[in-house]
């Protein structure tokens, strides 16, 4: 099962302060879809990718983005066959962008977000 590209979605209190901090560590903004005004931003340092999200998540979230042709609904079926419970399931009667969510044994949310 290919979960896709990984990044950590950080729940931040002040996106401007967080960006300034991570820039000092060598991170650069890479994704123009969000932005400071929309309270989310993707940043990268070498191969490490982080998402900064102000007010969108209560906790940090491990995030996977399946790439075409992988379909999140197929991942959902495989996870359920492996005995995992999902907190949020994809509607299997639809197609297109969708996401699923599960929680690991330590309470960490895992988001599998297909948005291509």
Protein backbone atom coordinates (compact mmCIF):
# COMPACT_ATOMS: atom_id res chain seq x y z
CA UNK A 1 0.00 0.00 0.00
CA UNK A 2 1.47 3.37 -1.06
CA UNK A 3 0.32 6.15 1.28
CA UNK A 4 2.02 8.84 -0.81
CA UNK A 5 4.11 11.81 0.19
CA UNK A 6 4.50 12.52 3.90
CA UNK A 7 4.58 15.77 5.80
CA UNK A 8 3.86 16.86 9.33
CA UNK A 9 1.00 19.32 9.76
CA UNK A 10 1.83 21.50 12.76
CA UNK A 11 -0.94 23.17 14.72
CA UNK A 12 0.63 26.58 15.40
CA UNK A 13 -0.58 29.44 17.58
CA UNK A 14 0.91 32.27 15.48
CA UNK A 15 1.83 31.44 11.89
CA UNK A 16 4.04 34.52 11.47
CA UNK A 17 6.12 33.66 14.54
CA UNK A 18 6.31 30.01 13.50
CA UNK A 19 7.42 30.88 9.97
CA UNK A 20 10.10 33.25 11.28
CA UNK A 21 11.37 30.50 13.61
CA UNK A 22 11.52 27.81 10.93
CA UNK A 23 13.15 30.18 8.43
CA UNK A 24 16.00 30.56 10.94
CA UNK A 25 16.37 26.76 10.76
CA UNK A 26 16.68 26.99 6.97
CA UNK A 27 13.09 26.28 5.91
CA UNK A 28 11.58 28.14 2.95
CA UNK A 29 7.93 28.64 1.99
CA UNK A 30 7.13 26.38 -0.98
CA UNK A 31 3.38 26.33 -1.53
CA UNK A 32 1.53 29.37 -2.79
CA UNK A 33 -1.94 27.85 -2.31
CA UNK A 34 -2.10 28.86 1.33
CA UNK A 35 -0.30 31.79 2.80
CA UNK A 36 -0.01 33.87 5.89
CA UNK A 37 -3.41 35.52 5.25
CA UNK A 38 -5.15 32.16 4.92
CA UNK A 39 -3.41 30.92 8.09
CA UNK A 40 -1.63 27.97 6.46
CA UNK A 41 1.65 27.54 4.65
CA UNK A 42 3.86 24.69 3.44
CA UNK A 43 7.57 24.98 4.16
CA UNK A 44 10.55 22.80 3.21
CA UNK A 45 14.17 22.26 4.22
CA UNK A 46 16.03 19.77 2.03
CA UNK A 47 13.66 16.76 1.99
CA UNK A 48 11.72 17.72 5.14
CA UNK A 49 8.30 19.22 4.50
CA UNK A 50 6.12 20.81 7.17
CA UNK A 51 2.72 22.43 7.06
CA UNK A 52 2.04 25.35 9.39
CA UNK A 53 -1.66 25.62 10.21
CA UNK A 54 -3.00 28.32 12.53
CA UNK A 55 -6.40 27.57 14.06
CA UNK A 56 -7.20 24.63 11.73
CA UNK A 57 -6.17 21.65 13.86
CA UNK A 58 -6.22 21.03 17.58
CA UNK A 59 -3.21 18.70 17.40
CA UNK A 60 -0.25 18.09 15.12
CA UNK A 61 -1.23 15.69 12.32
CA UNK A 62 0.81 13.10 10.44
CA UNK A 63 -0.27 13.63 6.84
CA UNK A 64 0.05 11.52 3.72
CA UNK A 65 -0.89 12.66 0.21
CA UNK A 66 -1.54 9.76 -2.18
CA UNK A 67 -0.34 10.46 -5.70
CA UNK A 68 -2.11 9.42 -8.90
CA UNK A 69 -3.08 6.71 -9.68
CA UNK A 70 -3.38 5.70 -6.00
CA UNK A 71 -6.93 6.21 -4.79
CA UNK A 72 -7.69 7.05 -1.15
CA UNK A 73 -10.75 4.78 -1.28
CA UNK A 74 -8.47 1.80 -2.10
CA UNK A 75 -6.23 2.72 0.84
CA UNK A 76 -9.35 2.88 3.02
CA UNK A 77 -10.38 -0.64 1.98
CA UNK A 78 -6.88 -1.99 2.72
CA UNK A 79 -6.74 -0.31 6.13
CA UNK A 80 -10.14 -1.71 7.09
CA UNK A 81 -9.08 -5.18 5.88
CA UNK A 82 -6.06 -4.83 8.19
CA UNK A 83 -8.47 -4.27 11.10
CA UNK A 84 -7.94 -0.53 11.52
CA UNK A 85 -10.82 1.75 12.48
CA UNK A 86 -11.20 5.07 10.72
CA UNK A 87 -12.44 8.21 12.44
CA UNK A 88 -13.47 9.72 9.09
CA UNK A 89 -14.17 7.55 6.06
CA UNK A 90 -14.30 8.45 2.38
CA UNK A 91 -17.61 8.04 0.60
CA UNK A 92 -16.97 5.01 -1.59
CA UNK A 93 -19.86 5.88 -3.90
CA UNK A 94 -18.02 9.02 -5.10
CA UNK A 95 -14.81 9.73 -7.01
CA UNK A 96 -12.28 12.53 -6.88
CA UNK A 97 -10.53 14.31 -4.02
CA UNK A 98 -11.31 12.90 -0.57
CA UNK A 99 -9.64 12.20 2.75
CA UNK A 100 -9.71 9.68 5.56
CA UNK A 101 -8.56 9.96 9.16
CA UNK A 102 -7.43 7.45 11.76
CA UNK A 103 -5.80 7.68 15.17
CA UNK A 104 -2.67 5.75 16.16
CA UNK A 105 -2.47 3.93 19.53
CA UNK A 106 -0.91 7.00 21.18
CA UNK A 107 -3.68 9.35 20.05
CA UNK A 108 -1.82 10.90 17.10
CA UNK A 109 -4.15 11.79 14.24
CA UNK A 110 -3.19 10.50 10.78
CA UNK A 111 -4.71 12.20 7.75
CA UNK A 112 -4.60 10.57 4.32
CA UNK A 113 -5.58 13.42 2.03
CA UNK A 114 -6.05 12.87 -1.69
CA UNK A 115 -6.30 16.26 -3.35
CA UNK A 116 -5.07 15.76 -6.94
